[in-house]
């Protein structure tokens, strides 16, 4: 049972990684005017992704040094998630 819980947490962390990548790609598309926020779907998606990710990214942004216009906090969050998943994988096999 505990292995299933760890497996579910790993799955949720991998979904979070995918959400971060979608947010990053959408931010690039908005920056290069491929899509714009006047489109209601794009604006709603952007607001939703920011509502999910800002509470996770803001503490990282406060700690990281100012790098100008480049935001490395999503990359730091993805690396942190990958480290957590690597530590949790043996527990799935041990308790599963």
Protein backbone atom coordinates (compact mmCIF):
# COMPACT_ATOMS: atom_id res chain seq x y z
CA UNK A 1 0.00 0.00 0.00
CA UNK A 2 2.81 2.41 0.85
CA UNK A 3 4.45 1.64 -2.49
CA UNK A 4 1.27 2.68 -4.26
CA UNK A 5 1.28 5.98 -2.40
CA UNK A 6 4.86 6.67 -3.43
CA UNK A 7 4.00 5.68 -6.98
CA UNK A 8 1.05 8.11 -7.02
CA UNK A 9 3.26 10.92 -5.67
CA UNK A 10 5.84 10.25 -8.37
CA UNK A 11 3.10 10.37 -10.98
CA UNK A 12 1.82 13.70 -9.64
CA UNK A 13 5.35 15.14 -9.67
CA UNK A 14 5.76 14.05 -13.29
CA UNK A 15 2.46 15.73 -14.17
CA UNK A 16 3.79 18.88 -12.47
CA UNK A 17 6.91 18.69 -14.64
CA UNK A 18 4.70 18.56 -17.72
CA UNK A 19 2.71 21.56 -16.51
CA UNK A 20 5.97 23.50 -16.04
CA UNK A 21 7.07 22.64 -19.58
CA UNK A 22 3.68 23.72 -21.00
CA UNK A 23 3.94 26.99 -19.03
CA UNK A 24 7.47 27.57 -20.36
CA UNK A 25 6.50 26.90 -23.98
CA UNK A 26 3.42 29.12 -23.68
CA UNK A 27 5.54 31.91 -22.20
CA UNK A 28 7.90 31.67 -25.18
CA UNK A 29 5.00 31.72 -27.63
CA UNK A 30 3.58 34.80 -25.91
CA UNK A 31 6.99 36.52 -25.82
CA UNK A 32 7.55 36.02 -29.54
CA UNK A 33 3.96 37.05 -30.44
CA UNK A 34 3.07 33.66 -31.89
CA UNK A 35 0.00 33.72 -29.65
CA UNK A 36 -1.34 36.66 -27.71
CA UNK A 37 -3.30 37.15 -24.53
CA UNK A 38 -6.24 38.74 -26.39
CA UNK A 39 -7.34 35.21 -27.27
CA UNK A 40 -9.65 34.11 -24.43
CA UNK A 41 -8.42 30.51 -24.41
CA UNK A 42 -4.77 31.54 -24.26
CA UNK A 43 -5.48 34.11 -21.54
CA UNK A 44 -7.44 31.58 -19.46
CA UNK A 45 -4.72 28.95 -19.87
CA UNK A 46 -2.03 31.48 -18.94
CA UNK A 47 -3.91 32.61 -15.82
CA UNK A 48 -4.54 29.01 -14.78
CA UNK A 49 -0.93 27.94 -15.22
CA UNK A 50 0.28 31.01 -13.34
CA UNK A 51 -2.16 30.29 -10.51
CA UNK A 52 -0.74 26.78 -10.21
CA UNK A 53 2.95 27.56 -10.63
CA UNK A 54 3.46 30.99 -9.04
CA UNK A 55 3.25 29.67 -5.45
CA UNK A 56 5.97 27.16 -6.35
CA UNK A 57 8.17 29.49 -8.40
CA UNK A 58 8.04 32.67 -6.29
CA UNK A 59 10.10 31.29 -3.35
CA UNK A 60 12.74 30.11 -5.82
CA UNK A 61 12.76 33.52 -7.53
CA UNK A 62 13.34 35.23 -4.18
CA UNK A 63 16.42 33.10 -3.45
CA UNK A 64 17.99 33.18 -6.91
CA UNK A 65 20.17 36.10 -8.00
CA UNK A 66 18.88 38.54 -10.61
CA UNK A 67 19.90 37.29 -14.05
CA UNK A 68 18.31 40.06 -16.09
CA UNK A 69 15.47 38.98 -18.34
CA UNK A 70 16.05 35.23 -18.01
CA UNK A 71 14.04 33.33 -15.39
CA UNK A 72 15.82 30.15 -14.28
CA UNK A 73 13.31 29.28 -11.56
CA UNK A 74 11.34 26.76 -13.72
CA UNK A 75 14.56 24.91 -14.48
CA UNK A 76 15.48 24.85 -10.78
CA UNK A 77 12.01 23.53 -9.93
CA UNK A 78 12.22 20.80 -12.58
CA UNK A 79 15.65 19.72 -11.32
CA UNK A 80 14.31 19.68 -7.76
CA UNK A 81 11.37 17.52 -8.83
CA UNK A 82 13.73 15.14 -10.63
CA UNK A 83 15.86 14.79 -7.49
CA UNK A 84 12.78 14.09 -5.35
CA UNK A 85 11.56 11.46 -7.83
CA UNK A 86 14.98 9.76 -7.87
CA UNK A 87 14.92 9.52 -4.06
CA UNK A 88 11.33 8.19 -4.06
CA UNK A 89 11.78 5.49 -6.74
CA UNK A 90 13.65 3.04 -4.46
CA UNK A 91 10.85 3.37 -1.89
CA UNK A 92 8.33 2.22 -4.49
CA UNK A 93 10.33 -0.96 -4.98
CA UNK A 94 11.01 -1.44 -1.28
CA UNK A 95 7.40 -1.02 -0.13
CA UNK A 96 5.60 -2.05 -3.30
